[in-house]
Amino acid sequence: MHILIPESILPDSLARLREKHTVHYDPELVRRPEALLEAARPANAIIVRRLTQVRGTLLDGMPDCKAVGRLGVGLDNIDVETCRQRGIAVIPAPGANARSVAEYVIATALMLVRTAYLSTQEVIDGQWPKERLNLGGEIQGRTMGIVGFGGIGRITGQLAHALGMRVLVYDTAAQNQAGQQYYQNVSLAELFASSDVITLHVPLTPQTRNLVDGKCIRGMKDGAVVINAARGGIVDETALLAALRSGKLGGAALDAFENEPLGKSPQYAQVPNLILTPHIAGVTTDSEVRVNAVVVDKILQVLDA
């Protein structure tokens, strides 16, 4: 069998695949569309991350494909419906990076509420912004609002609760989870109005696009913190930046953007209490091992069936 891998994969996982099958591995192939199409023709399986668009011409150009492995969770770069119609197994790694994302959210919330960690350059430059940073607070006793209560949301809620936070949840399925007494399921409007920290864990759909817009932000508590480690497009970035500059919001962290890679973006410069990261919340050395193991195991099962 032939396996195509046009993005990076761990060496141990690559070795496991090569023990049983022919593997075409080139982590830069995704950036060469014509070469990617040529390499895809004999593939019985393809393993991708976020950049490779497994749809249209590429999917049509793999007539013998049996499986699409996704080294991650989101499937927005894969035409799942067409794969289903053609009997192609789509294999993500649900839950494998949930702990990494949840810890990112908690660490970021601590930083933004405390405020002290964004002064490095000022201190290097000889400034001493102690009075400005004296307004930072503690996380204990504050309210965490979690929009989307799947695997990542649940771990985030458990960690927040362990730190002494009140946990509010907006998720239509959450009310059916018995035995979980540490959170309260509320309306979206109530969550926004009552939360000190709001974290988003929903997919990007027509219903969630610009879920956090100017109107929504106006309904939030003054000084609230917003964290998006889900998908770009869920937050209206222009409205968010305006709210940070005006002081309506106390801080924000964006790990996902409408357009990625972000490129030069001067609109984000000189925005108070803003953390930007390159869609890396779920990527740690620990989660990578789990993600790779899940996907490789299932790819081998499909190809060896």
C-alpha atoms as a PDB file:
ATOM      1  CA  MET A   1       0.000   0.000   0.000  1.00  0.00           C
ATOM      2  CA  HIS A   2       1.074   3.601  -0.632  1.00  0.00           C
ATOM      3  CA  ILE A   3       0.797   6.284   2.047  1.00  0.00           C
ATOM      4  CA  LEU A   4       1.293   9.979   1.287  1.00  0.00           C
ATOM      5  CA  ILE A   5       2.315  12.360   4.084  1.00  0.00           C
ATOM      6  CA  PRO A   6       2.665  15.963   2.811  1.00  0.00           C
ATOM      7  CA  GLU A   7       3.044  17.542   6.271  1.00  0.00           C
ATOM      8  CA  SER A   8       5.167  16.762   9.318  1.00  0.00           C
ATOM      9  CA  ILE A   9       4.860  13.567  11.353  1.00  0.00           C
ATOM     10  CA  LEU A  10       6.906  12.208  14.260  1.00  0.00           C
ATOM     11  CA  PRO A  11       9.895  10.003  13.310  1.00  0.00           C
ATOM     12  CA  ASP A  12       8.663   7.020  15.338  1.00  0.00           C
ATOM     13  CA  SER A  13       5.274   7.159  13.642  1.00  0.00           C
ATOM     14  CA  LEU A  14       6.894   7.422  10.231  1.00  0.00           C
ATOM     15  CA  ALA A  15       9.035   4.385  11.014  1.00  0.00           C
ATOM     16  CA  ARG A  16       5.980   2.356  12.048  1.00  0.00           C
ATOM     17  CA  LEU A  17       4.243   3.123   8.775  1.00  0.00           C
ATOM     18  CA  ARG A  18       7.336   2.317   6.719  1.00  0.00           C
ATOM     19  CA  GLU A  19       7.634  -1.090   8.361  1.00  0.00           C
ATOM     20  CA  LYS A  20       4.498  -2.218   6.553  1.00  0.00           C
ATOM     21  CA  HIS A  21       3.893   0.111   3.625  1.00  0.00           C
ATOM     22  CA  THR A  22       5.496   2.353   1.024  1.00  0.00           C
ATOM     23  CA  VAL A  23       5.525   5.920   2.331  1.00  0.00           C
ATOM     24  CA  HIS A  24       6.053   9.137   0.389  1.00  0.00           C
ATOM     25  CA  TYR A  25       6.978  11.649   3.063  1.00  0.00           C
ATOM     26  CA  ASP A  26       7.754  15.270   2.296  1.00  0.00           C
ATOM     27  CA  PRO A  27       6.698  17.801   4.956  1.00  0.00           C
ATOM     28  CA  GLU A  28       7.002  20.643   2.419  1.00  0.00           C
ATOM     29  CA  LEU A  29       4.930  18.964  -0.280  1.00  0.00           C
ATOM     30  CA  VAL A  30       1.786  20.771   0.866  1.00  0.00           C
ATOM     31  CA  ARG A  31       3.364  24.011  -0.383  1.00  0.00           C
ATOM     32  CA  ARG A  32       3.840  22.626  -3.917  1.00  0.00           C
ATOM     33  CA  PRO A  33       0.337  21.976  -5.281  1.00  0.00           C
ATOM     34  CA  GLU A  34       1.320  20.426  -8.613  1.00  0.00           C
ATOM     35  CA  ALA A  35       3.830  18.067  -7.009  1.00  0.00           C
ATOM     36  CA  LEU A  36       1.259  17.180  -4.351  1.00  0.00           C
ATOM     37  CA  LEU A  37      -1.283  16.188  -6.993  1.00  0.00           C
ATOM     38  CA  GLU A  38       1.307  14.029  -8.755  1.00  0.00           C
ATOM     39  CA  ALA A  39       2.359  12.306  -5.523  1.00  0.00           C
ATOM     40  CA  ALA A  40      -1.265  11.709  -4.510  1.00  0.00           C
ATOM     41  CA  ARG A  41      -2.233   9.660  -7.557  1.00  0.00           C
ATOM     42  CA  PRO A  42      -1.111   6.220  -6.247  1.00  0.00           C
ATOM     43  CA  ALA A  43      -1.992   6.895  -2.597  1.00  0.00           C
ATOM     44  CA  ASN A  44      -4.099   4.406  -0.686  1.00  0.00           C
ATOM     45  CA  ALA A  45      -3.980   6.701   2.340  1.00  0.00           C
ATOM     46  CA  ILE A  46      -3.000  10.277   3.081  1.00  0.00           C
ATOM     47  CA  ILE A  47      -2.062  11.731   6.460  1.00  0.00           C
ATOM     48  CA  VAL A  48      -2.357  15.508   6.860  1.00  0.00           C
ATOM     49  CA  ARG A  49      -2.405  18.308   9.388  1.00  0.00           C
ATOM     50  CA  ARG A  50      -4.296  21.589   8.832  1.00  0.00           C
ATOM     51  CA  LEU A  51      -2.795  22.946   5.616  1.00  0.00           C
ATOM     52  CA  THR A  52      -3.546  20.186   3.123  1.00  0.00           C
ATOM     53  CA  GLN A  53      -7.002  20.636   1.614  1.00  0.00           C
ATOM     54  CA  VAL A  54      -8.310  17.124   1.053  1.00  0.00           C
ATOM     55  CA  ARG A  55     -11.120  18.059  -1.284  1.00  0.00           C
ATOM     56  CA  GLY A  56     -11.807  18.805  -4.928  1.00  0.00           C
ATOM     57  CA  THR A  57      -8.935  18.091  -7.290  1.00  0.00           C
ATOM     58  CA  LEU A  58      -6.740  16.438  -4.676  1.00  0.00           C
ATOM     59  CA  LEU A  59      -9.463  14.077  -3.477  1.00  0.00           C
ATOM     60  CA  ASP A  60     -10.520  13.301  -7.035  1.00  0.00           C
ATOM     61  CA  GLY A  61      -6.885  12.569  -7.872  1.00  0.00           C
ATOM     62  CA  MET A  62      -6.684   9.683  -5.378  1.00  0.00           C
ATOM     63  CA  PRO A  63      -8.970   7.037  -6.908  1.00  0.00           C
ATOM     64  CA  ASP A  64      -7.592   4.264  -4.690  1.00  0.00           C
ATOM     65  CA  CYS A  65      -7.654   6.169  -1.402  1.00  0.00           C
ATOM     66  CA  LYS A  66      -9.042   4.204   1.538  1.00  0.00           C
ATOM     67  CA  ALA A  67      -8.244   6.531   4.454  1.00  0.00           C
ATOM     68  CA  VAL A  68      -7.517  10.158   5.317  1.00  0.00           C
ATOM     69  CA  GLY A  69      -5.647  10.615   8.584  1.00  0.00           C
ATOM     70  CA  ARG A  70      -5.820  13.984  10.321  1.00  0.00           C
ATOM     71  CA  LEU A  71      -3.050  14.691  12.837  1.00  0.00           C
ATOM     72  CA  GLY A  72      -5.352  16.777  14.988  1.00  0.00           C
ATOM     73  CA  VAL A  73      -9.045  17.228  15.667  1.00  0.00           C
ATOM     74  CA  GLY A  74     -10.634  19.750  13.279  1.00  0.00           C
ATOM     75  CA  LEU A  75     -11.870  18.459   9.933  1.00  0.00           C
ATOM     76  CA  ASP A  76     -12.567  21.740   8.141  1.00  0.00           C
ATOM     77  CA  ASN A  77      -9.775  21.055   5.625  1.00  0.00           C
ATOM     78  CA  ILE A  78     -11.296  17.704   4.638  1.00  0.00           C
ATOM     79  CA  ASP A  79     -14.398  17.085   2.504  1.00  0.00           C
ATOM     80  CA  VAL A  80     -15.855  14.617   4.975  1.00  0.00           C
ATOM     81  CA  GLU A  81     -19.125  14.101   3.090  1.00  0.00           C
ATOM     82  CA  THR A  82     -17.445  13.172  -0.182  1.00  0.00           C
ATOM     83  CA  CYS A  83     -15.120  10.820   1.693  1.00  0.00           C
ATOM     84  CA  ARG A  84     -18.142   9.180   3.298  1.00  0.00           C
ATOM     85  CA  GLN A  85     -19.859   8.746  -0.063  1.00  0.00           C
ATOM     86  CA  ARG A  86     -16.732   7.110  -1.499  1.00  0.00           C
ATOM     87  CA  GLY A  87     -16.151   4.833   1.481  1.00  0.00           C
ATOM     88  CA  ILE A  88     -12.978   6.631   2.537  1.00  0.00           C
ATOM     89  CA  ALA A  89     -12.340   6.485   6.275  1.00  0.00           C
ATOM     90  CA  VAL A  90     -11.649   9.895   7.852  1.00  0.00           C
ATOM     91  CA  ILE A  91      -9.436   9.454  10.906  1.00  0.00           C
ATOM     92  CA  PRO A  92      -8.847  12.379  13.294  1.00  0.00           C
ATOM     93  CA  ALA A  93      -7.529  12.112  16.849  1.00  0.00           C
ATOM     94  CA  PRO A  94     -10.424  13.290  19.026  1.00  0.00           C
ATOM     95  CA  GLY A  95      -9.401  13.977  22.597  1.00  0.00           C
ATOM     96  CA  ALA A  96      -5.707  13.364  22.048  1.00  0.00           C
ATOM     97  CA  ASN A  97      -4.799  17.046  22.387  1.00  0.00           C
ATOM     98  CA  ALA A  98      -7.633  18.078  24.719  1.00  0.00           C
ATOM     99  CA  ARG A  99      -5.439  18.366  27.801  1.00  0.00           C
ATOM    100  CA  SER A 100      -2.949  20.571  25.970  1.00  0.00           C
ATOM    101  CA  VAL A 101      -5.666  22.979  24.836  1.00  0.00           C
ATOM    102  CA  ALA A 102      -7.253  23.059  28.285  1.00  0.00           C
ATOM    103  CA  GLU A 103      -3.927  23.841  29.966  1.00  0.00           C
ATOM    104  CA  TYR A 104      -3.306  26.582  27.384  1.00  0.00           C
ATOM    105  CA  VAL A 105      -6.646  28.156  28.289  1.00  0.00           C
ATOM    106  CA  ILE A 106      -6.017  28.016  32.036  1.00  0.00           C
ATOM    107  CA  ALA A 107      -2.451  29.330  31.759  1.00  0.00           C
ATOM    108  CA  THR A 108      -3.566  32.136  29.473  1.00  0.00           C
ATOM    109  CA  ALA A 109      -6.481  33.045  31.729  1.00  0.00           C
ATOM    110  CA  LEU A 110      -4.120  33.270  34.699  1.00  0.00           C
ATOM    111  CA  MET A 111      -1.781  35.538  32.753  1.00  0.00           C
ATOM    112  CA  LEU A 112      -4.501  37.849  31.492  1.00  0.00           C
ATOM    113  CA  VAL A 113      -6.286  38.187  34.821  1.00  0.00           C
ATOM    114  CA  ARG A 114      -3.023  38.742  36.686  1.00  0.00           C
ATOM    115  CA  THR A 115      -1.765  41.208  33.983  1.00  0.00           C
ATOM    116  CA  ALA A 116       1.834  41.116  35.253  1.00  0.00           C
ATOM    117  CA  TYR A 117       3.296  38.958  32.480  1.00  0.00           C
ATOM    118  CA  LEU A 118       3.028  41.374  29.559  1.00  0.00           C
ATOM    119  CA  SER A 119       5.625  43.874  30.783  1.00  0.00           C
ATOM    120  CA  THR A 120       8.865  42.182  29.712  1.00  0.00           C
ATOM    121  CA  GLN A 121       9.817  44.646  26.972  1.00  0.00           C
ATOM    122  CA  GLU A 122       8.973  47.644  29.138  1.00  0.00           C
ATOM    123  CA  VAL A 123      11.210  46.359  31.946  1.00  0.00           C
ATOM    124  CA  ILE A 124      14.008  45.674  29.443  1.00  0.00           C
ATOM    125  CA  ASP A 125      13.635  49.231  28.148  1.00  0.00           C
ATOM    126  CA  GLY A 126      14.160  50.649  31.633  1.00  0.00           C
ATOM    127  CA  GLN A 127      10.517  51.307  32.471  1.00  0.00           C
ATOM    128  CA  TRP A 128       8.940  50.165  35.725  1.00  0.00           C
ATOM    129  CA  PRO A 129       5.157  49.847  35.067  1.00  0.00           C
ATOM    130  CA  LYS A 130       4.312  48.656  38.548  1.00  0.00           C
ATOM    131  CA  GLU A 131       1.382  51.013  39.081  1.00  0.00           C
ATOM    132  CA  ARG A 132      -0.299  49.942  35.835  1.00  0.00           C
ATOM    133  CA  LEU A 133       0.112  46.267  36.703  1.00  0.00           C
ATOM    134  CA  ASN A 134      -1.067  46.621  40.295  1.00  0.00           C
ATOM    135  CA  LEU A 135      -4.638  46.153  39.067  1.00  0.00           C
ATOM    136  CA  GLY A 136      -4.175  42.448  38.295  1.00  0.00           C
ATOM    137  CA  GLY A 137      -6.325  39.940  40.134  1.00  0.00           C
ATOM    138  CA  GLU A 138      -6.563  36.336  41.273  1.00  0.00           C
ATOM    139  CA  ILE A 139      -8.419  33.625  39.396  1.00  0.00           C
ATOM    140  CA  GLN A 140      -9.994  32.131  42.498  1.00  0.00           C
ATOM    141  CA  GLY A 141     -13.590  33.268  42.978  1.00  0.00           C
ATOM    142  CA  ARG A 142     -14.009  34.434  39.412  1.00  0.00           C
ATOM    143  CA  THR A 143     -16.346  32.884  36.844  1.00  0.00           C
ATOM    144  CA  MET A 144     -15.219  30.826  33.851  1.00  0.00           C
ATOM    145  CA  GLY A 145     -17.681  30.686  30.944  1.00  0.00           C
ATOM    146  CA  ILE A 146     -17.148  27.774  28.563  1.00  0.00           C
ATOM    147  CA  VAL A 147     -18.879  27.868  25.178  1.00  0.00           C
ATOM    148  CA  GLY A 148     -18.923  24.266  23.951  1.00  0.00           C
ATOM    149  CA  PHE A 149     -18.573  21.482  26.483  1.00  0.00           C
ATOM    150  CA  GLY A 150     -16.977  18.621  24.622  1.00  0.00           C
ATOM    151  CA  GLY A 151     -13.742  16.924  25.647  1.00  0.00           C
ATOM    152  CA  ILE A 152     -11.678  20.120  25.759  1.00  0.00           C
ATOM    153  CA  GLY A 153     -14.405  22.111  27.472  1.00  0.00           C
ATOM    154  CA  ARG A 154     -14.861  19.477  30.177  1.00  0.00           C
ATOM    155  CA  ILE A 155     -11.159  19.322  31.053  1.00  0.00           C
ATOM    156  CA  THR A 156     -11.006  23.131  31.053  1.00  0.00           C
ATOM    157  CA  GLY A 157     -13.977  23.229  33.407  1.00  0.00           C
ATOM    158  CA  GLN A 158     -12.450  20.678  35.763  1.00  0.00           C
ATOM    159  CA  LEU A 159      -9.184  22.624  35.949  1.00  0.00           C
ATOM    160  CA  ALA A 160     -11.016  25.917  36.471  1.00  0.00           C
ATOM    161  CA  HIS A 161     -13.125  24.387  39.229  1.00  0.00           C
ATOM    162  CA  ALA A 162     -10.002  23.013  40.916  1.00  0.00           C
ATOM    163  CA  LEU A 163      -8.618  26.568  40.987  1.00  0.00           C
ATOM    164  CA  GLY A 164     -11.707  27.801  42.805  1.00  0.00           C
ATOM    165  CA  MET A 165     -13.582  29.243  39.845  1.00  0.00           C
ATOM    166  CA  ARG A 166     -17.327  29.124  39.306  1.00  0.00           C
ATOM    167  CA  VAL A 167     -17.973  27.350  35.996  1.00  0.00           C
ATOM    168  CA  LEU A 168     -20.763  28.288  33.583  1.00  0.00           C
ATOM    169  CA  VAL A 169     -21.382  26.272  30.436  1.00  0.00           C
ATOM    170  CA  TYR A 170     -23.300  26.864  27.236  1.00  0.00           C
ATOM    171  CA  ASP A 171     -23.887  23.552  25.489  1.00  0.00           C
ATOM    172  CA  THR A 172     -27.245  21.945  24.704  1.00  0.00           C
ATOM    173  CA  ALA A 173     -25.852  18.485  25.496  1.00  0.00           C
ATOM    174  CA  ALA A 174     -24.190  19.383  28.793  1.00  0.00           C
ATOM    175  CA  GLN A 175     -27.405  19.183  30.816  1.00  0.00           C
ATOM    176  CA  ASN A 176     -27.597  15.467  30.045  1.00  0.00           C
ATOM    177  CA  GLN A 177     -24.237  14.613  31.647  1.00  0.00           C
ATOM    178  CA  ALA A 178     -25.089  13.086  34.998  1.00  0.00           C
ATOM    179  CA  GLY A 179     -22.835  13.396  38.002  1.00  0.00           C
ATOM    180  CA  GLN A 180     -21.132  16.609  36.930  1.00  0.00           C
ATOM    181  CA  GLN A 181     -21.995  18.965  39.764  1.00  0.00           C
ATOM    182  CA  TYR A 182     -19.255  21.546  39.373  1.00  0.00           C
ATOM    183  CA  TYR A 183     -20.808  23.502  36.495  1.00  0.00           C
ATOM    184  CA  GLN A 184     -24.069  25.249  35.653  1.00  0.00           C
ATOM    185  CA  ASN A 185     -25.549  25.120  32.154  1.00  0.00           C
ATOM    186  CA  VAL A 186     -26.924  28.555  31.207  1.00  0.00           C
ATOM    187  CA  SER A 187     -28.035  30.512  28.168  1.00  0.00           C
ATOM    188  CA  LEU A 188     -25.390  32.050  25.939  1.00  0.00           C
ATOM    189  CA  ALA A 189     -26.487  35.561  26.910  1.00  0.00           C
ATOM    190  CA  GLU A 190     -26.227  34.751  30.621  1.00  0.00           C
ATOM    191  CA  LEU A 191     -22.809  33.194  30.155  1.00  0.00           C
ATOM    192  CA  PHE A 192     -21.488  36.284  28.402  1.00  0.00           C
ATOM    193  CA  ALA A 193     -23.034  38.630  30.953  1.00  0.00           C
ATOM    194  CA  SER A 194     -21.778  36.735  34.024  1.00  0.00           C
ATOM    195  CA  SER A 195     -18.317  35.418  33.097  1.00  0.00           C
ATOM    196  CA  ASP A 196     -14.969  36.966  33.968  1.00  0.00           C
ATOM    197  CA  VAL A 197     -13.189  34.616  31.539  1.00  0.00           C
ATOM    198  CA  ILE A 198     -14.875  33.328  28.370  1.00  0.00           C
ATOM    199  CA  THR A 199     -13.300  30.472  26.436  1.00  0.00           C
ATOM    200  CA  LEU A 200     -14.583  29.112  23.113  1.00  0.00           C
ATOM    201  CA  HIS A 201     -14.623  25.430  22.195  1.00  0.00           C
ATOM    202  CA  VAL A 202     -17.012  25.108  19.271  1.00  0.00           C
ATOM    203  CA  PRO A 203     -16.389  24.348  15.587  1.00  0.00           C
ATOM    204  CA  LEU A 204     -16.680  27.035  12.936  1.00  0.00           C
ATOM    205  CA  THR A 205     -20.122  26.701  11.343  1.00  0.00           C
ATOM    206  CA  PRO A 206     -22.558  29.196   9.800  1.00  0.00           C
ATOM    207  CA  GLN A 207     -24.163  29.393  13.252  1.00  0.00           C
ATOM    208  CA  THR A 208     -20.918  30.086  15.131  1.00  0.00           C
ATOM    209  CA  ARG A 209     -19.286  32.459  12.629  1.00  0.00           C
ATOM    210  CA  ASN A 210     -18.817  35.827  14.370  1.00  0.00           C
ATOM    211  CA  LEU A 211     -20.482  34.377  17.449  1.00  0.00           C
ATOM    212  CA  VAL A 212     -18.455  36.873  19.466  1.00  0.00           C
ATOM    213  CA  ASP A 213     -19.226  40.145  17.685  1.00  0.00           C
ATOM    214  CA  GLY A 214     -19.634  43.739  18.776  1.00  0.00           C
ATOM    215  CA  LYS A 215     -23.150  43.223  20.120  1.00  0.00           C
ATOM    216  CA  CYS A 216     -22.079  40.165  22.067  1.00  0.00           C
ATOM    217  CA  ILE A 217     -19.067  41.977  23.544  1.00  0.00           C
ATOM    218  CA  ARG A 218     -21.263  44.863  24.680  1.00  0.00           C
ATOM    219  CA  GLY A 219     -23.255  42.321  26.695  1.00  0.00           C
ATOM    220  CA  MET A 220     -20.152  41.065  28.516  1.00  0.00           C
ATOM    221  CA  LYS A 221     -18.960  42.167  31.925  1.00  0.00           C
ATOM    222  CA  ASP A 222     -16.607  45.142  31.883  1.00  0.00           C
ATOM    223  CA  GLY A 223     -13.061  43.837  32.130  1.00  0.00           C
ATOM    224  CA  ALA A 224     -13.903  40.321  30.919  1.00  0.00           C
ATOM    225  CA  VAL A 225     -11.251  38.183  29.226  1.00  0.00           C
ATOM    226  CA  VAL A 226     -11.913  36.310  25.949  1.00  0.00           C
ATOM    227  CA  ILE A 227      -9.875  33.299  24.812  1.00  0.00           C
ATOM    228  CA  ASN A 228     -10.264  31.682  21.389  1.00  0.00           C
ATOM    229  CA  ALA A 229      -8.315  28.460  21.022  1.00  0.00           C
ATOM    230  CA  ALA A 230     -10.930  26.942  18.711  1.00  0.00           C
ATOM    231  CA  ARG A 231     -11.268  28.283  15.165  1.00  0.00           C
ATOM    232  CA  GLY A 232     -10.745  31.622  13.484  1.00  0.00           C
ATOM    233  CA  GLY A 233     -13.960  33.268  12.377  1.00  0.00           C
ATOM    234  CA  ILE A 234     -15.797  32.574  15.631  1.00  0.00           C
ATOM    235  CA  VAL A 235     -14.576  35.925  16.956  1.00  0.00           C
ATOM    236  CA  ASP A 236     -15.034  39.206  15.083  1.00  0.00           C
ATOM    237  CA  GLU A 237     -11.419  40.266  15.456  1.00  0.00           C
ATOM    238  CA  THR A 238     -12.076  43.911  14.560  1.00  0.00           C
ATOM    239  CA  ALA A 239     -14.732  44.227  17.270  1.00  0.00           C
ATOM    240  CA  LEU A 240     -12.489  42.446  19.756  1.00  0.00           C
ATOM    241  CA  LEU A 241      -9.571  44.805  19.147  1.00  0.00           C
ATOM    242  CA  ALA A 242     -11.848  47.831  19.503  1.00  0.00           C
ATOM    243  CA  ALA A 243     -13.133  46.515  22.836  1.00  0.00           C
ATOM    244  CA  LEU A 244      -9.584  45.955  24.106  1.00  0.00           C
ATOM    245  CA  ARG A 245      -8.504  49.439  23.095  1.00  0.00           C
ATOM    246  CA  SER A 246     -11.549  51.039  24.703  1.00  0.00           C
ATOM    247  CA  GLY A 247     -11.062  49.137  27.944  1.00  0.00           C
ATOM    248  CA  LYS A 248     -14.390  47.300  27.680  1.00  0.00           C
ATOM    249  CA  LEU A 249     -12.496  43.989  27.706  1.00  0.00           C
ATOM    250  CA  GLY A 250      -9.724  43.346  30.187  1.00  0.00           C
ATOM    251  CA  GLY A 251      -7.769  41.016  27.919  1.00  0.00           C
ATOM    252  CA  ALA A 252      -7.875  38.492  25.113  1.00  0.00           C
ATOM    253  CA  ALA A 253      -5.905  35.616  23.673  1.00  0.00           C
ATOM    254  CA  LEU A 254      -6.233  34.457  20.076  1.00  0.00           C
ATOM    255  CA  ASP A 255      -4.732  31.177  18.959  1.00  0.00           C
ATOM    256  CA  ALA A 256      -6.913  30.935  15.846  1.00  0.00           C
ATOM    257  CA  PHE A 257      -7.516  33.541  13.153  1.00  0.00           C
ATOM    258  CA  GLU A 258      -9.809  34.161  10.205  1.00  0.00           C
ATOM    259  CA  ASN A 259      -6.796  33.904   7.870  1.00  0.00           C
ATOM    260  CA  GLU A 260      -3.829  31.693   8.683  1.00  0.00           C
ATOM    261  CA  PRO A 261      -0.901  32.107   8.632  1.00  0.00           C
ATOM    262  CA  LEU A 262      -1.667  35.594   9.867  1.00  0.00           C
ATOM    263  CA  GLY A 263       1.032  37.501   7.986  1.00  0.00           C
ATOM    264  CA  LYS A 264       1.903  41.087   8.824  1.00  0.00           C
ATOM    265  CA  SER A 265      -0.956  42.485  10.879  1.00  0.00           C
ATOM    266  CA  PRO A 266      -0.266  45.965  12.225  1.00  0.00           C
ATOM    267  CA  GLN A 267      -3.828  46.215  13.523  1.00  0.00           C
ATOM    268  CA  TYR A 268      -2.770  44.041  16.461  1.00  0.00           C
ATOM    269  CA  ALA A 269       0.106  46.309  17.479  1.00  0.00           C
ATOM    270  CA  GLN A 270      -0.087  48.300  20.695  1.00  0.00           C
ATOM    271  CA  VAL A 271      -3.280  46.582  21.856  1.00  0.00           C
ATOM    272  CA  PRO A 272      -3.362  46.277  25.650  1.00  0.00           C
ATOM    273  CA  ASN A 273      -3.443  42.860  27.321  1.00  0.00           C
ATOM    274  CA  LEU A 274      -3.514  40.863  24.087  1.00  0.00           C
ATOM    275  CA  ILE A 275      -1.791  37.503  23.568  1.00  0.00           C
ATOM    276  CA  LEU A 276      -1.399  36.073  20.053  1.00  0.00           C
ATOM    277  CA  THR A 277      -0.165  32.537  19.385  1.00  0.00           C
ATOM    278  CA  PRO A 278       0.149  30.696  16.032  1.00  0.00           C
ATOM    279  CA  HIS A 279      -2.636  28.087  16.377  1.00  0.00           C
ATOM    280  CA  ILE A 280      -0.556  26.024  18.733  1.00  0.00           C
ATOM    281  CA  ALA A 281      -2.775  25.558  21.803  1.00  0.00           C
ATOM    282  CA  GLY A 282      -3.202  21.860  21.134  1.00  0.00           C
ATOM    283  CA  VAL A 283       0.380  21.195  20.109  1.00  0.00           C
ATOM    284  CA  THR A 284       2.754  20.000  22.810  1.00  0.00           C
ATOM    285  CA  THR A 285       5.361  17.264  22.782  1.00  0.00           C
ATOM    286  CA  ASP A 286       2.977  15.195  24.894  1.00  0.00           C
ATOM    287  CA  SER A 287      -0.118  15.684  22.744  1.00  0.00           C
ATOM    288  CA  GLU A 288       1.843  15.074  19.545  1.00  0.00           C
ATOM    289  CA  VAL A 289       2.780  11.586  20.745  1.00  0.00           C
ATOM    290  CA  ARG A 290      -0.871  10.792  21.506  1.00  0.00           C
ATOM    291  CA  VAL A 291      -2.203  12.286  18.265  1.00  0.00           C
ATOM    292  CA  ASN A 292       0.323  10.437  16.120  1.00  0.00           C
ATOM    293  CA  ALA A 293      -0.306   7.137  17.900  1.00  0.00           C
ATOM    294  CA  VAL A 294      -4.088   7.329  17.463  1.00  0.00           C
ATOM    295  CA  VAL A 295      -3.954   8.204  13.766  1.00  0.00           C
ATOM    296  CA  VAL A 296      -1.201   5.751  12.824  1.00  0.00           C
ATOM    297  CA  ASP A 297      -2.918   2.882  14.650  1.00  0.00           C
ATOM    298  CA  LYS A 298      -6.172   3.472  12.797  1.00  0.00           C
ATOM    299  CA  ILE A 299      -4.528   4.019   9.401  1.00  0.00           C
ATOM    300  CA  LEU A 300      -2.755   0.690   9.744  1.00  0.00           C
ATOM    301  CA  GLN A 301      -5.995  -1.005  10.749  1.00  0.00           C
ATOM    302  CA  VAL A 302      -7.753   0.273   7.636  1.00  0.00           C
ATOM    303  CA  LEU A 303      -4.936  -0.605   5.255  1.00  0.00           C
ATOM    304  CA  ASP A 304      -4.334  -4.023   6.791  1.00  0.00           C
ATOM    305  CA  ALA A 305      -8.007  -4.989   6.819  1.00  0.00           C
END
